[in-house]
Protein backbone atom coordinates (compact mmCIF):
# COMPACT_ATOMS: atom_id res chain seq x y z
CA MET A 1 0.00 0.00 0.00
CA ALA A 2 1.33 3.43 -0.97
CA GLU A 3 2.35 5.67 1.89
CA ASP A 4 -0.12 8.40 2.79
CA LEU A 5 1.13 11.72 1.40
CA TYR A 6 0.09 13.66 4.50
CA SER A 7 2.17 11.31 6.63
CA VAL A 8 5.16 11.81 4.32
CA LEU A 9 5.09 15.54 5.11
CA GLY A 10 4.12 14.98 8.75
CA VAL A 11 0.87 16.97 8.60
CA ALA A 12 -2.76 16.17 9.30
CA LYS A 13 -5.26 15.72 6.48
CA THR A 14 -6.99 18.87 7.74
CA ALA A 15 -3.79 20.94 7.49
CA SER A 16 -4.06 24.29 5.73
CA ALA A 17 -2.19 24.99 2.50
CA ALA A 18 0.16 27.28 4.43
CA ASP A 19 0.95 24.55 6.96
CA ILE A 20 1.67 22.06 4.17
CA THR A 21 4.04 24.48 2.46
CA LYS A 22 5.75 25.25 5.76
CA ALA A 23 6.26 21.56 6.52
CA TYR A 24 7.62 20.90 3.03
CA ARG A 25 10.11 23.77 3.15
CA LYS A 26 11.36 22.69 6.56
CA LEU A 27 11.97 19.12 5.39
CA ALA A 28 13.41 20.22 2.03
CA LYS A 29 16.01 22.41 3.71
CA LYS A 30 17.01 19.50 5.94
CA LEU A 31 17.10 16.77 3.29
CA HIS A 32 18.18 18.55 0.10
CA PRO A 33 20.87 16.52 -1.76
CA ASP A 34 23.13 19.57 -1.99
CA LEU A 35 23.24 19.68 1.82
CA ASN A 36 23.62 15.89 2.22
CA PRO A 37 26.12 14.78 -0.44
CA GLY A 38 26.38 11.00 -0.64
CA ASP A 39 23.53 10.39 1.83
CA LYS A 40 21.22 8.06 -0.10
CA THR A 41 18.69 7.88 2.74
CA ALA A 42 18.29 11.66 2.80
CA GLU A 43 18.09 11.71 -0.99
CA GLU A 44 15.28 9.14 -1.04
CA ARG A 45 13.34 11.01 1.64
CA PHE A 46 13.81 14.25 -0.33
CA LYS A 47 12.32 12.59 -3.40
CA LYS A 48 9.32 11.40 -1.36
CA ILE A 49 8.55 14.79 0.20
CA ALA A 50 8.97 16.58 -3.14
CA ALA A 51 6.59 14.13 -4.81
CA ALA A 52 4.11 14.43 -1.93
CA TYR A 53 4.19 18.23 -2.03
CA GLY A 54 3.72 18.14 -5.79
CA ILE A 55 0.29 16.65 -5.18
CA ILE A 56 -1.11 17.89 -1.85
CA GLY A 57 0.67 21.21 -2.25
CA ASP A 58 -1.48 21.85 -5.32
CA GLU A 59 -5.08 22.78 -4.52
CA ASP A 60 -6.69 20.94 -7.45
CA LYS A 61 -4.52 17.83 -7.16
CA ARG A 62 -5.09 17.71 -3.42
CA LYS A 63 -8.85 17.66 -3.93
CA ARG A 64 -8.52 14.85 -6.45
CA TYR A 65 -6.19 12.89 -4.16
CA ASP A 66 -8.55 13.26 -1.21
CA ALA A 67 -11.43 12.13 -3.42
CA GLY A 68 -9.46 9.06 -4.55
CA GLU A 69 -9.35 10.18 -8.18
CA ILE A 70 -5.52 10.06 -8.28
CA ASP A 71 -3.12 7.94 -6.27
CA ALA A 72 0.02 8.85 -4.30
CA SER A 73 2.05 8.95 -7.53
CA GLY A 74 -0.37 11.35 -9.17
CA GLN A 75 -1.74 8.75 -11.59
CA GLU A 76 -5.42 8.35 -12.35
CA THR A 77 -7.12 5.60 -10.32
CA PRO A 78 -9.20 3.03 -12.24
CA GLN A 79 -12.77 4.18 -12.66
CA GLN A 80 -15.09 1.24 -13.31
CA ARG A 81 -18.73 1.50 -14.23
CA TYR A 82 -21.00 -1.49 -14.51
CA TYR A 83 -23.98 -1.26 -16.83
CA ARG A 84 -25.40 -4.71 -16.12
CA GLU A 85 -27.89 -6.52 -13.97
CA TYR A 86 -27.82 -9.84 -12.24
CA ALA A 87 -30.05 -12.60 -13.58
CA GLY A 88 -30.52 -16.06 -12.01
CA GLY A 89 -31.39 -19.26 -13.89
CA GLU A 90 -31.10 -22.96 -14.07
CA ASP A 91 -27.75 -22.71 -15.80
CA GLY A 92 -26.35 -20.69 -12.90
CA ALA A 93 -25.70 -17.00 -12.28
CA ARG A 94 -24.91 -14.86 -15.29
CA TYR A 95 -24.60 -11.14 -16.15
CA ARG A 96 -26.05 -9.33 -19.10
CA SER A 97 -26.34 -5.73 -20.19
CA ALA A 98 -29.23 -3.77 -18.79
CA ARG A 99 -29.81 -2.37 -22.23
CA GLY A 100 -29.27 -5.53 -24.20
CA TYR A 101 -26.67 -6.12 -26.90
CA GLU A 102 -27.17 -2.86 -28.77
CA ASP A 103 -24.67 -1.08 -26.49
CA ILE A 104 -21.72 -3.32 -27.39
CA GLY A 105 -20.77 -0.91 -30.15
CA GLU A 106 -20.72 2.00 -27.71
CA PHE A 107 -18.38 0.15 -25.33
CA SER A 108 -16.19 -0.71 -28.28
CA ASP A 109 -15.97 2.98 -29.20
CA LEU A 110 -15.19 3.88 -25.59
CA PHE A 111 -12.23 1.50 -25.38
CA GLY A 112 -11.17 2.50 -28.87
CA ASP A 113 -10.83 6.10 -27.66
CA LEU A 114 -8.99 5.04 -24.52
CA PHE A 115 -6.46 2.70 -26.05
CA GLY A 116 -6.23 4.10 -29.55
CA ARG A 117 -7.93 2.99 -32.76
CA GLY A 118 -6.58 -0.25 -34.01
CA GLY A 119 -5.85 -1.29 -30.40
CA ALA A 120 -6.69 -4.47 -28.55
CA GLY A 121 -9.39 -6.49 -30.29
CA ARG A 122 -8.74 -4.82 -33.67
CA GLY A 123 -5.54 -6.50 -34.68
CA GLY A 124 -3.12 -4.22 -32.83
CA GLY A 125 -1.63 -3.75 -29.38
CA ALA A 126 -3.05 -1.35 -26.81
CA ARG A 127 -1.72 2.18 -27.31
CA PHE A 128 -2.85 3.98 -24.17
CA SER A 129 -1.37 7.49 -24.06
CA MET A 130 -1.36 10.09 -21.31
CA ARG A 131 0.51 13.35 -20.89
CA GLY A 132 2.97 13.38 -18.01
CA GLN A 133 2.18 15.15 -14.75
CA ASP A 134 3.51 18.66 -14.16
CA ALA A 135 6.30 18.82 -11.59
CA GLN A 136 6.34 21.63 -9.02
CA TYR A 137 9.44 23.18 -7.51
CA ARG A 138 10.32 26.28 -5.49
CA LEU A 139 13.48 28.25 -6.11
CA GLU A 140 14.81 30.93 -3.74
CA VAL A 141 16.81 33.67 -5.50
CA GLU A 142 18.59 36.80 -4.35
CA PHE A 143 16.87 40.15 -4.87
CA LEU A 144 19.40 41.46 -7.41
CA ASP A 145 19.29 38.20 -9.38
CA ALA A 146 15.50 38.52 -9.58
CA VAL A 147 15.47 42.12 -10.82
CA ASN A 148 18.45 41.82 -13.18
CA GLY A 149 17.91 38.25 -14.35
CA THR A 150 20.30 35.30 -14.06
CA LYS A 151 20.80 31.62 -14.82
CA THR A 152 20.91 28.97 -12.12
CA ARG A 153 20.65 25.21 -11.65
CA ILE A 154 18.38 23.24 -9.35
CA THR A 155 18.66 19.62 -8.22
CA LEU A 156 15.58 17.52 -8.85
CA PRO A 157 14.28 14.81 -6.48
CA ASP A 158 15.72 12.08 -8.73
CA GLY A 159 19.17 13.61 -8.50
CA GLU A 160 19.15 15.12 -11.97
CA THR A 161 19.74 18.82 -12.50
CA LEU A 162 17.65 21.40 -14.31
CA ASP A 163 18.99 24.68 -15.71
CA VAL A 164 16.62 27.59 -15.08
CA THR A 165 16.79 31.02 -16.72
CA ILE A 166 15.47 33.73 -14.41
CA PRO A 167 14.12 36.56 -16.60
CA PRO A 168 14.77 40.17 -15.50
CA GLY A 169 12.05 41.54 -13.27
CA VAL A 170 10.67 38.23 -11.98
CA SER A 171 8.59 38.84 -8.86
CA ASP A 172 8.14 36.93 -5.60
CA GLY A 173 5.62 34.11 -6.03
CA GLN A 174 5.78 34.17 -9.84
CA VAL A 175 5.74 30.73 -11.47
CA LEU A 176 8.00 29.92 -14.41
CA ARG A 177 6.79 27.17 -16.75
CA LEU A 178 9.52 25.04 -18.32
CA LYS A 179 7.95 23.15 -21.21
CA GLY A 180 8.54 19.42 -21.29
CA LYS A 181 10.64 19.33 -18.10
CA GLY A 182 8.04 17.58 -15.95
CA MET A 183 7.14 13.91 -15.45
CA LYS A 184 7.37 11.50 -18.39
CA GLY A 185 4.17 10.66 -20.24
CA MET A 186 2.76 7.27 -21.16
CA GLY A 187 2.66 5.88 -24.68
CA GLU A 188 2.61 8.73 -27.14
CA GLY A 189 1.80 11.23 -24.42
CA GLY A 190 4.44 13.92 -24.06
CA PRO A 191 6.10 14.92 -20.79
CA GLY A 192 4.52 17.42 -18.43
CA ASP A 193 5.99 20.80 -17.60
CA ALA A 194 8.13 21.93 -14.69
CA LEU A 195 6.45 24.70 -12.69
CA VAL A 196 9.07 26.65 -10.76
CA GLU A 197 7.74 29.04 -8.12
CA ILE A 198 10.18 31.88 -7.46
CA GLY A 199 10.84 33.13 -3.95
CA VAL A 200 12.73 36.44 -3.83
CA ARG A 201 14.83 37.07 -0.74
CA PRO A 202 14.59 40.60 0.74
CA HIS A 203 17.45 43.07 0.25
CA PRO A 204 18.83 45.27 3.05
CA VAL A 205 18.87 48.39 0.83
CA PHE A 206 16.47 47.98 -2.09
CA LYS A 207 12.71 47.54 -1.98
CA ARG A 208 10.40 46.92 -4.90
CA GLU A 209 7.17 48.78 -5.67
CA GLY A 210 5.85 47.52 -9.00
CA ASN A 211 8.69 48.16 -11.43
CA ASP A 212 10.13 50.95 -9.26
CA ILE A 213 13.00 50.52 -6.83
CA VAL A 214 12.84 52.41 -3.52
CA VAL A 215 15.94 53.39 -1.53
CA GLU A 216 16.15 55.41 1.68
CA LEU A 217 19.18 57.71 1.56
CA PRO A 218 20.53 59.40 4.70
CA ILE A 219 21.96 62.90 4.15
CA THR A 220 23.82 65.23 6.49
CA LEU A 221 22.50 68.48 7.93
CA ASP A 222 24.76 70.59 5.73
CA GLU A 223 23.77 68.60 2.59
CA ALA A 224 20.13 69.27 3.41
CA VAL A 225 20.73 73.01 3.88
CA LEU A 226 23.23 73.67 1.10
CA GLY A 227 22.40 70.90 -1.37
CA GLY A 228 25.02 69.12 -3.42
CA LYS A 229 26.04 65.93 -5.16
CA VAL A 230 25.66 62.59 -3.34
CA GLU A 231 26.37 58.98 -4.29
CA VAL A 232 23.31 56.72 -4.58
CA PRO A 233 23.29 52.90 -4.89
CA THR A 234 21.11 51.46 -7.69
CA ILE A 235 20.42 47.90 -8.85
CA SER A 236 22.94 48.41 -11.67
CA GLY A 237 25.67 50.23 -9.69
CA ARG A 238 26.33 53.52 -7.94
CA VAL A 239 25.36 56.84 -9.56
CA SER A 240 25.55 60.52 -8.62
CA ALA A 241 22.40 62.45 -7.70
CA THR A 242 21.77 66.09 -6.79
CA VAL A 243 20.23 67.00 -3.45
CA PRO A 244 18.45 70.37 -3.74
CA GLN A 245 19.01 73.15 -1.22
CA GLY A 246 16.62 72.96 1.72
CA ALA A 247 15.95 69.23 1.28
CA ASN A 248 13.76 67.60 3.94
CA THR A 249 13.25 64.15 5.35
CA GLY A 250 10.69 62.29 3.24
CA GLN A 251 11.47 64.24 0.08
CA ILE A 252 11.79 61.96 -2.95
CA LEU A 253 14.28 62.20 -5.78
CA ARG A 254 13.30 60.28 -8.94
CA LEU A 255 16.05 58.65 -11.00
CA LYS A 256 14.48 57.96 -14.40
CA GLY A 257 15.02 54.53 -15.91
CA ARG A 258 16.94 53.20 -12.90
CA GLY A 259 14.22 50.74 -11.91
CA ILE A 260 13.33 47.25 -13.13
CA LYS A 261 13.28 46.49 -16.85
CA THR A 262 10.43 44.25 -18.00
CA ARG A 263 8.57 43.68 -21.25
CA SER A 264 5.96 46.18 -20.13
CA GLY A 265 8.54 48.95 -19.62
CA THR A 266 11.24 50.23 -17.31
CA GLY A 267 10.62 51.61 -13.84
CA ASP A 268 12.42 54.40 -11.94
CA GLN A 269 14.36 54.52 -8.70
CA LEU A 270 12.77 56.54 -5.92
CA VAL A 271 15.28 57.98 -3.46
CA LYS A 272 13.69 58.91 -0.14
CA LEU A 273 15.83 61.44 1.71
CA SER A 274 16.35 61.25 5.44
CA VAL A 275 18.17 64.13 7.20
CA MET A 276 20.48 62.68 9.84
CA MET A 277 21.95 64.73 12.68
CA PRO A 278 25.55 64.03 13.69
CA GLU A 279 26.00 61.44 16.40
CA LYS A 280 27.48 64.08 18.68
CA ILE A 281 26.44 67.76 18.85
CA ASP A 282 29.64 69.77 19.31
CA ASP A 283 29.92 73.28 20.75
CA ASP A 284 30.18 74.94 17.32
CA LEU A 285 26.92 73.46 16.08
CA LYS A 286 25.15 74.14 19.35
CA SER A 287 26.32 77.78 19.39
CA PHE A 288 25.31 78.28 15.75
CA ALA A 289 21.83 76.83 16.35
CA GLU A 290 21.22 79.02 19.38
CA THR A 291 22.26 82.17 17.52
CA TRP A 292 20.31 81.23 14.38
CA ARG A 293 17.12 80.45 16.34
CA GLN A 294 17.05 83.91 17.93
CA GLY A 295 16.42 85.59 14.58
CA HIS A 296 14.92 82.80 12.46
CA ALA A 297 12.51 80.90 14.67
CA TYR A 298 9.79 78.94 12.77
CA ASP A 299 7.13 76.40 13.62
CA PRO A 300 7.34 73.19 11.46
CA ARG A 301 4.19 71.89 13.17
CA ARG A 302 1.97 74.81 12.23
CA LYS A 303 0.05 72.95 9.49
CA LEU A 304 -0.43 69.96 11.78
CA LYS A 305 -2.00 72.19 14.42
CA GLU A 306 -4.31 73.80 11.86
CA GLN A 307 -5.49 70.46 10.48
CA ALA A 308 -5.97 68.71 13.86
């Protein structure tokens, strides 16, 4: 008897989709062949959990598995229908069609469609064909690799490798379809596809908003007052930007075309300024501020008071 897929992942049959994904990721990180070189036991367990997640980690396949329509390997389960009635007699029990013999042609057509014309009973061998199942994987990539595009290689549950091209601008949760890289088909049925879900790791500096890149840039007190050129990191390297005189915290500088390039267009980089005071206020700055305040006092909270 095939092992229950929920038991393979160590979850209950009532587990939520999030709990199933969490359990799979935890086991995958522990058993991945790249982390256990030469460990055949870990490799076999990794294959089992990947196969299990490929079915119960998919909403539609999980429903079909729970209903008994597919088995633990993802294959269709035999569906038998009996169109006959029992009849007793002196010659013993026998079965006959409820509709009589006129439906023999219909059953012949049914099996002809299933196994291919010219199949069993027509002078040829059975030619049952079925497209292979799609295989599901998850690939974690670095933020800059996701926005700029890259090529990488993943190890499949059977130990084989698969080269994956990450297109520029791929987003977190996006699924890449690799044609013909899934499970093998039966007969003349072609292979399924490989569905690779992309997980983008966060970056300590860059954040994504659509196709725009957002960066918070600290500036000094004198840069805010006097303005000037500052160096700004972008996803393609460092560039120079101009801070206007009198810049304030929260002010945004827009760097055209420095965002993410996709087929739909290219985004910008939004630089959010943040005025930072020096870590230590020395006597010169303190004296200057006291003198300046005597003749230039202003209330930055005036509008807030008026609107409250």
